[in-house]
N, C-alpha and C. Protein backbone atom coordinates (compact mmCIF):
# COMPACT_ATOMS: atom_id res chain seq x y z
N UNK A 1 116.42 223.16 94.89
CA UNK A 1 117.13 222.39 93.86
C UNK A 1 118.62 222.34 94.20
N UNK A 2 119.22 221.19 94.01
CA UNK A 2 120.63 221.04 94.33
C UNK A 2 121.50 221.60 93.21
N UNK A 3 122.74 221.84 93.55
CA UNK A 3 123.71 222.32 92.58
C UNK A 3 124.04 221.22 91.58
N UNK A 4 124.71 221.58 90.51
CA UNK A 4 125.06 220.60 89.49
C UNK A 4 126.33 219.84 89.87
N UNK A 5 126.54 218.74 89.19
CA UNK A 5 127.72 217.91 89.40
C UNK A 5 128.96 218.63 88.89
N UNK A 6 130.01 218.63 89.69
CA UNK A 6 131.29 219.24 89.31
C UNK A 6 132.28 218.14 88.95
N UNK A 7 132.64 218.00 87.67
CA UNK A 7 133.55 216.93 87.27
C UNK A 7 134.99 217.12 87.76
N UNK A 8 135.25 218.22 88.46
CA UNK A 8 136.58 218.44 89.02
C UNK A 8 136.67 218.04 90.50
N UNK A 9 135.61 217.43 91.05
CA UNK A 9 135.68 216.99 92.44
C UNK A 9 136.73 215.89 92.58
N UNK A 10 137.25 215.72 93.78
CA UNK A 10 138.37 214.80 94.00
C UNK A 10 138.02 213.36 93.63
N UNK A 11 136.80 212.92 93.84
CA UNK A 11 136.46 211.54 93.52
C UNK A 11 136.39 211.34 92.00
N UNK A 12 135.92 212.34 91.26
CA UNK A 12 135.94 212.26 89.80
C UNK A 12 137.39 212.18 89.31
N UNK A 13 138.28 212.94 89.95
CA UNK A 13 139.70 212.90 89.59
C UNK A 13 140.29 211.53 89.89
N UNK A 14 139.91 210.93 91.01
CA UNK A 14 140.38 209.58 91.35
C UNK A 14 139.90 208.59 90.28
N UNK A 15 138.64 208.69 89.89
CA UNK A 15 138.09 207.79 88.86
C UNK A 15 138.85 207.91 87.55
N UNK A 16 139.28 209.12 87.21
CA UNK A 16 140.01 209.34 85.96
C UNK A 16 141.51 209.05 86.08
N UNK A 17 141.97 208.69 87.27
CA UNK A 17 143.38 208.42 87.48
C UNK A 17 144.22 209.67 87.64
N UNK A 18 143.57 210.80 87.90
CA UNK A 18 144.28 212.08 88.05
C UNK A 18 144.66 212.36 89.50
N UNK A 19 144.16 211.57 90.42
CA UNK A 19 144.49 211.70 91.84
C UNK A 19 144.67 210.30 92.39
N UNK A 20 145.58 210.12 93.36
CA UNK A 20 145.85 208.79 93.88
C UNK A 20 144.82 208.33 94.90
N UNK A 21 144.78 207.03 95.11
CA UNK A 21 143.99 206.43 96.19
C UNK A 21 144.56 205.06 96.48
N UNK A 22 144.21 204.53 97.65
CA UNK A 22 144.56 203.15 97.99
C UNK A 22 143.34 202.31 97.61
N UNK A 23 143.43 201.67 96.46
CA UNK A 23 142.30 200.93 95.90
C UNK A 23 142.04 199.63 96.67
N UNK A 24 140.76 199.36 96.82
CA UNK A 24 140.33 198.10 97.42
C UNK A 24 139.75 197.20 96.35
N UNK A 25 138.86 197.74 95.53
CA UNK A 25 138.21 196.96 94.48
C UNK A 25 137.63 197.89 93.43
N UNK A 26 137.48 197.35 92.24
CA UNK A 26 136.87 198.11 91.16
C UNK A 26 136.14 197.15 90.25
N UNK A 27 134.99 197.57 89.76
CA UNK A 27 134.27 196.82 88.75
C UNK A 27 133.70 197.82 87.74
N UNK A 28 132.80 197.37 86.90
CA UNK A 28 132.29 198.25 85.85
C UNK A 28 131.44 199.41 86.36
N UNK A 29 130.91 199.30 87.57
CA UNK A 29 130.02 200.36 88.08
C UNK A 29 130.56 201.10 89.29
N UNK A 30 131.62 200.59 89.93
CA UNK A 30 132.04 201.21 91.19
C UNK A 30 133.55 201.11 91.42
N UNK A 31 133.98 201.94 92.36
CA UNK A 31 135.35 201.91 92.85
C UNK A 31 135.28 202.00 94.37
N UNK A 32 136.04 201.15 95.05
CA UNK A 32 136.15 201.20 96.51
C UNK A 32 137.61 201.49 96.85
N UNK A 33 137.80 202.40 97.81
CA UNK A 33 139.15 202.78 98.22
C UNK A 33 139.14 203.23 99.67
N UNK A 34 140.32 203.29 100.25
CA UNK A 34 140.45 203.66 101.65
C UNK A 34 140.26 205.17 101.84
N UNK A 35 139.53 205.54 102.88
CA UNK A 35 139.36 206.94 103.24
C UNK A 35 140.70 207.44 103.79
N UNK A 36 141.18 208.58 103.31
CA UNK A 36 142.49 209.09 103.76
C UNK A 36 142.42 209.77 105.13
N UNK A 37 141.20 210.02 105.60
CA UNK A 37 141.00 210.55 106.95
C UNK A 37 140.08 209.60 107.70
N UNK A 38 140.57 208.37 107.94
CA UNK A 38 139.69 207.32 108.47
C UNK A 38 139.18 207.62 109.88
N UNK A 39 137.92 207.29 110.06
CA UNK A 39 137.28 207.44 111.36
C UNK A 39 137.37 206.16 112.18
N UNK A 40 137.65 205.04 111.49
CA UNK A 40 137.94 203.76 112.12
C UNK A 40 139.01 203.08 111.27
N UNK A 41 139.69 202.11 111.85
CA UNK A 41 140.62 201.30 111.05
C UNK A 41 139.79 200.54 110.01
N UNK A 42 140.21 200.63 108.74
CA UNK A 42 139.48 199.95 107.67
C UNK A 42 138.37 200.77 107.04
N UNK A 43 138.24 202.05 107.39
CA UNK A 43 137.21 202.94 106.83
C UNK A 43 137.38 202.99 105.31
N UNK A 44 136.38 202.52 104.61
CA UNK A 44 136.41 202.38 103.16
C UNK A 44 135.30 203.21 102.52
N UNK A 45 135.59 203.77 101.35
CA UNK A 45 134.60 204.52 100.58
C UNK A 45 134.23 203.71 99.34
N UNK A 46 132.96 203.78 98.96
CA UNK A 46 132.49 203.14 97.73
C UNK A 46 131.79 204.21 96.92
N UNK A 47 132.24 204.39 95.67
CA UNK A 47 131.67 205.42 94.80
C UNK A 47 131.21 204.80 93.49
N UNK A 48 130.15 205.35 92.90
CA UNK A 48 129.74 204.89 91.58
C UNK A 48 130.61 205.55 90.51
N UNK A 49 130.74 204.89 89.39
CA UNK A 49 131.42 205.51 88.25
C UNK A 49 130.51 206.49 87.54
N UNK A 50 129.22 206.39 87.78
CA UNK A 50 128.26 207.35 87.24
C UNK A 50 128.52 208.71 87.89
N UNK A 51 128.61 209.78 87.11
CA UNK A 51 128.82 211.11 87.70
C UNK A 51 127.54 211.63 88.36
N UNK A 52 127.39 211.36 89.63
CA UNK A 52 126.21 211.78 90.38
C UNK A 52 126.67 212.56 91.60
N UNK A 53 126.05 213.70 91.85
CA UNK A 53 126.41 214.55 93.00
C UNK A 53 126.10 213.84 94.32
N UNK A 54 124.94 213.18 94.40
CA UNK A 54 124.56 212.48 95.62
C UNK A 54 123.39 211.54 95.34
N UNK A 55 122.83 210.98 96.38
CA UNK A 55 121.74 210.02 96.26
C UNK A 55 120.51 210.63 95.59
N UNK A 56 120.34 211.92 95.73
CA UNK A 56 119.17 212.59 95.17
C UNK A 56 119.26 212.78 93.66
N UNK A 57 120.48 212.70 93.12
CA UNK A 57 120.71 213.02 91.71
C UNK A 57 120.95 211.81 90.81
N UNK A 58 121.36 210.69 91.37
CA UNK A 58 121.72 209.55 90.53
C UNK A 58 120.46 208.93 89.92
N UNK A 59 120.48 208.61 88.63
CA UNK A 59 119.34 207.93 88.03
C UNK A 59 119.07 206.59 88.74
N UNK A 60 117.81 206.26 88.90
CA UNK A 60 117.42 205.06 89.65
C UNK A 60 118.06 203.79 89.09
N UNK A 61 118.15 203.67 87.78
CA UNK A 61 118.76 202.47 87.18
C UNK A 61 120.24 202.37 87.54
N UNK A 62 120.95 203.50 87.55
CA UNK A 62 122.36 203.49 87.93
C UNK A 62 122.52 203.15 89.41
N UNK A 63 121.63 203.67 90.24
CA UNK A 63 121.66 203.35 91.66
C UNK A 63 121.44 201.86 91.89
N UNK A 64 120.49 201.29 91.16
CA UNK A 64 120.20 199.87 91.30
C UNK A 64 121.40 199.00 90.91
N UNK A 65 122.16 199.42 89.91
CA UNK A 65 123.37 198.67 89.51
C UNK A 65 124.50 198.86 90.52
N UNK A 66 124.53 200.02 91.21
CA UNK A 66 125.61 200.36 92.12
C UNK A 66 125.47 199.72 93.51
N UNK A 67 124.28 199.62 94.02
CA UNK A 67 124.09 199.19 95.41
C UNK A 67 124.62 197.79 95.72
N UNK A 68 124.58 196.82 94.80
CA UNK A 68 125.22 195.54 95.12
C UNK A 68 126.72 195.68 95.40
N UNK A 69 127.38 196.64 94.78
CA UNK A 69 128.80 196.88 95.07
C UNK A 69 128.98 197.38 96.49
N UNK A 70 128.10 198.25 96.94
CA UNK A 70 128.17 198.76 98.32
C UNK A 70 128.02 197.59 99.29
N UNK A 71 127.05 196.72 99.03
CA UNK A 71 126.83 195.56 99.90
C UNK A 71 128.03 194.62 99.88
N UNK A 72 128.57 194.35 98.70
CA UNK A 72 129.72 193.45 98.58
C UNK A 72 130.92 194.00 99.34
N UNK A 73 131.20 195.28 99.20
CA UNK A 73 132.33 195.89 99.90
C UNK A 73 132.06 195.89 101.41
N UNK A 74 130.85 196.19 101.82
CA UNK A 74 130.52 196.19 103.25
C UNK A 74 130.78 194.81 103.86
N UNK A 75 130.36 193.78 103.18
CA UNK A 75 130.61 192.41 103.68
C UNK A 75 132.10 192.13 103.79
N UNK A 76 132.87 192.56 102.78
CA UNK A 76 134.32 192.32 102.79
C UNK A 76 135.01 193.13 103.88
N UNK A 77 134.56 194.37 104.11
CA UNK A 77 135.14 195.18 105.18
C UNK A 77 134.90 194.50 106.53
N UNK A 78 133.67 194.04 106.75
CA UNK A 78 133.35 193.38 108.02
C UNK A 78 134.21 192.14 108.21
N UNK A 79 134.31 191.31 107.17
CA UNK A 79 135.10 190.08 107.27
C UNK A 79 136.59 190.37 107.35
N UNK A 80 137.09 191.21 106.47
CA UNK A 80 138.52 191.48 106.41
C UNK A 80 139.06 192.17 107.64
N UNK A 81 138.24 192.99 108.26
CA UNK A 81 138.67 193.71 109.46
C UNK A 81 138.25 192.99 110.74
N UNK A 82 137.63 191.82 110.60
CA UNK A 82 137.15 191.05 111.76
C UNK A 82 136.31 191.95 112.67
N UNK A 83 135.44 192.72 112.04
CA UNK A 83 134.59 193.66 112.77
C UNK A 83 133.35 192.95 113.31
N UNK A 84 132.84 193.46 114.40
CA UNK A 84 131.61 192.89 114.96
C UNK A 84 130.38 193.53 114.37
N UNK A 85 130.56 194.66 113.68
CA UNK A 85 129.45 195.35 113.04
C UNK A 85 129.97 196.40 112.08
N UNK A 86 129.05 197.14 111.49
CA UNK A 86 129.39 198.18 110.51
C UNK A 86 128.49 199.38 110.71
N UNK A 87 129.03 200.54 110.36
CA UNK A 87 128.22 201.73 110.16
C UNK A 87 128.37 202.06 108.69
N UNK A 88 127.24 202.26 108.02
CA UNK A 88 127.25 202.69 106.63
C UNK A 88 126.63 204.08 106.60
N UNK A 89 127.41 205.06 106.12
CA UNK A 89 126.95 206.44 106.11
C UNK A 89 126.95 206.98 104.69
N UNK A 90 125.99 207.87 104.42
CA UNK A 90 125.90 208.53 103.13
C UNK A 90 125.25 209.88 103.38
N UNK A 91 125.90 210.95 102.95
CA UNK A 91 125.45 212.31 103.23
C UNK A 91 125.03 213.01 101.94
N UNK A 92 124.03 213.91 102.03
CA UNK A 92 123.50 214.59 100.86
C UNK A 92 123.46 216.09 101.08
N UNK A 93 124.22 216.81 100.26
CA UNK A 93 124.32 218.27 100.27
C UNK A 93 125.00 218.79 101.53
N UNK A 94 125.43 220.01 101.48
CA UNK A 94 126.17 220.63 102.56
C UNK A 94 125.39 220.58 103.87
N UNK A 95 124.10 220.87 103.82
CA UNK A 95 123.27 220.85 105.01
C UNK A 95 123.14 219.46 105.63
N UNK A 96 123.39 218.43 104.82
CA UNK A 96 123.34 217.05 105.30
C UNK A 96 124.70 216.50 105.68
N UNK A 97 125.73 217.34 105.62
CA UNK A 97 127.07 216.91 106.00
C UNK A 97 127.96 216.45 104.87
N UNK A 98 127.49 216.55 103.63
CA UNK A 98 128.30 216.12 102.49
C UNK A 98 129.46 217.10 102.28
N UNK A 99 130.66 216.56 102.07
CA UNK A 99 131.85 217.38 101.86
C UNK A 99 132.37 217.23 100.44
N UNK A 100 132.41 216.00 99.92
CA UNK A 100 132.80 215.76 98.53
C UNK A 100 131.52 215.49 97.76
N UNK A 101 131.30 216.27 96.72
CA UNK A 101 130.03 216.22 96.01
C UNK A 101 130.05 215.26 94.82
N UNK A 102 130.37 214.00 95.15
CA UNK A 102 130.22 212.85 94.27
C UNK A 102 129.63 211.78 95.19
N UNK A 103 128.54 211.16 94.79
CA UNK A 103 127.89 210.16 95.63
C UNK A 103 128.92 209.18 96.18
N UNK A 104 128.88 208.94 97.49
CA UNK A 104 129.77 207.97 98.10
C UNK A 104 129.17 207.44 99.39
N UNK A 105 129.51 206.21 99.68
CA UNK A 105 129.11 205.55 100.92
C UNK A 105 130.35 205.29 101.75
N UNK A 106 130.27 205.61 103.03
CA UNK A 106 131.31 205.31 103.99
C UNK A 106 130.99 203.97 104.63
N UNK A 107 131.96 203.06 104.64
CA UNK A 107 131.80 201.77 105.31
C UNK A 107 132.79 201.78 106.48
N UNK A 108 132.27 201.83 107.70
CA UNK A 108 133.11 201.91 108.89
C UNK A 108 132.96 200.64 109.72
N UNK A 109 134.02 199.83 109.79
CA UNK A 109 133.94 198.65 110.66
C UNK A 109 133.88 199.08 112.12
N UNK A 110 133.15 198.31 112.94
CA UNK A 110 132.96 198.69 114.34
C UNK A 110 133.21 197.51 115.27
N UNK A 111 133.71 197.86 116.44
CA UNK A 111 133.97 196.91 117.51
C UNK A 111 133.46 197.51 118.81
N UNK A 112 132.91 196.72 119.72
CA UNK A 112 132.44 197.27 120.99
C UNK A 112 133.57 197.97 121.73
N UNK A 113 133.25 199.12 122.29
CA UNK A 113 134.21 199.86 123.10
C UNK A 113 135.22 200.67 122.31
N UNK A 114 135.17 200.62 120.98
CA UNK A 114 136.10 201.39 120.15
C UNK A 114 135.31 202.54 119.52
N UNK A 115 135.64 203.75 119.90
CA UNK A 115 134.91 204.93 119.42
C UNK A 115 135.26 205.26 117.97
N UNK A 116 134.30 205.86 117.29
CA UNK A 116 134.54 206.41 115.96
C UNK A 116 135.22 207.77 116.16
N UNK A 117 136.30 207.99 115.41
CA UNK A 117 136.99 209.27 115.48
C UNK A 117 136.14 210.36 114.82
N UNK A 118 136.31 211.62 115.21
CA UNK A 118 135.55 212.69 114.57
C UNK A 118 135.94 212.87 113.10
N UNK A 119 135.04 213.40 112.28
CA UNK A 119 135.38 213.63 110.88
C UNK A 119 136.46 214.69 110.72
N UNK A 120 137.12 214.66 109.57
CA UNK A 120 138.13 215.67 109.27
C UNK A 120 139.43 215.47 110.02
N UNK A 121 139.69 214.24 110.40
CA UNK A 121 140.91 213.94 111.16
C UNK A 121 142.15 214.07 110.31
N UNK A 122 143.28 213.71 110.85
CA UNK A 122 144.52 213.82 110.09
C UNK A 122 144.54 212.89 108.88
N UNK A 123 145.24 213.33 107.82
CA UNK A 123 145.41 212.50 106.63
C UNK A 123 146.42 211.40 106.97
N UNK A 124 146.04 210.17 106.65
CA UNK A 124 146.88 209.00 106.92
C UNK A 124 147.59 208.63 105.61
N UNK A 125 148.90 208.43 105.65
CA UNK A 125 149.63 208.11 104.42
C UNK A 125 149.25 206.73 103.87
N UNK A 126 149.39 206.57 102.54
CA UNK A 126 149.00 205.32 101.90
C UNK A 126 149.63 204.07 102.50
N UNK A 127 150.89 204.15 102.94
CA UNK A 127 151.54 202.95 103.48
C UNK A 127 150.89 202.47 104.77
N UNK A 128 150.20 203.36 105.47
CA UNK A 128 149.49 202.94 106.68
C UNK A 128 148.08 202.45 106.37
N UNK A 129 147.54 202.81 105.21
CA UNK A 129 146.21 202.35 104.80
C UNK A 129 146.28 201.02 104.05
N UNK A 130 147.37 200.77 103.37
CA UNK A 130 147.50 199.58 102.53
C UNK A 130 147.27 198.27 103.28
N UNK A 131 147.77 198.08 104.51
CA UNK A 131 147.49 196.81 105.20
C UNK A 131 146.00 196.54 105.39
N UNK A 132 145.22 197.59 105.65
CA UNK A 132 143.77 197.41 105.78
C UNK A 132 143.16 197.05 104.44
N UNK A 133 143.60 197.74 103.39
CA UNK A 133 143.10 197.44 102.04
C UNK A 133 143.41 195.99 101.67
N UNK A 134 144.60 195.53 102.03
CA UNK A 134 144.99 194.14 101.72
C UNK A 134 144.08 193.15 102.43
N UNK A 135 143.73 193.42 103.67
CA UNK A 135 142.84 192.53 104.41
C UNK A 135 141.45 192.49 103.77
N UNK A 136 140.97 193.64 103.31
CA UNK A 136 139.65 193.70 102.69
C UNK A 136 139.69 193.02 101.33
N UNK A 137 140.76 193.24 100.56
CA UNK A 137 140.90 192.55 99.26
C UNK A 137 140.95 191.04 99.45
N UNK A 138 141.64 190.58 100.51
CA UNK A 138 141.70 189.14 100.78
C UNK A 138 140.31 188.59 101.10
N UNK A 139 139.53 189.35 101.83
CA UNK A 139 138.16 188.91 102.14
C UNK A 139 137.31 188.86 100.88
N UNK A 140 137.51 189.81 99.97
CA UNK A 140 136.79 189.78 98.69
C UNK A 140 137.18 188.55 97.89
N UNK A 141 138.46 188.24 97.84
CA UNK A 141 138.94 187.08 97.09
C UNK A 141 138.42 185.76 97.68
N UNK A 142 138.25 185.75 99.00
CA UNK A 142 137.75 184.53 99.66
C UNK A 142 136.26 184.33 99.45
N UNK A 143 135.60 185.41 99.00
CA UNK A 143 134.19 185.33 98.69
C UNK A 143 133.35 185.53 99.89
């Protein structure tokens, strides 16, 4: 059995406005923002507003409402970053590589010959993430 949801996790704090982020998009079910330790340029996270520890814990109805947001953001990341492809990652529990225990999807734009950086890299300041967020927001606005 997995551990319970901790409402003090960093993503819950971001949702409540208690911690900063470089926002990409928000709707009634989700929030998308830039990863502060990006593995690729344009690395974006998408989280549900539902307090769920991971994919194993979220109620199916909430997951069904959330997944279109993941797809919409993935399309915008690919378009906004002029990527040739995407990696979408989602980890469950410590043994599965999960570090922040609030359900989240990593959207990593990819280009041939450009390696993905290892996880846990240096924290990138917001002013360096904002141009990528702006490109993704523009792609969302363009539809």
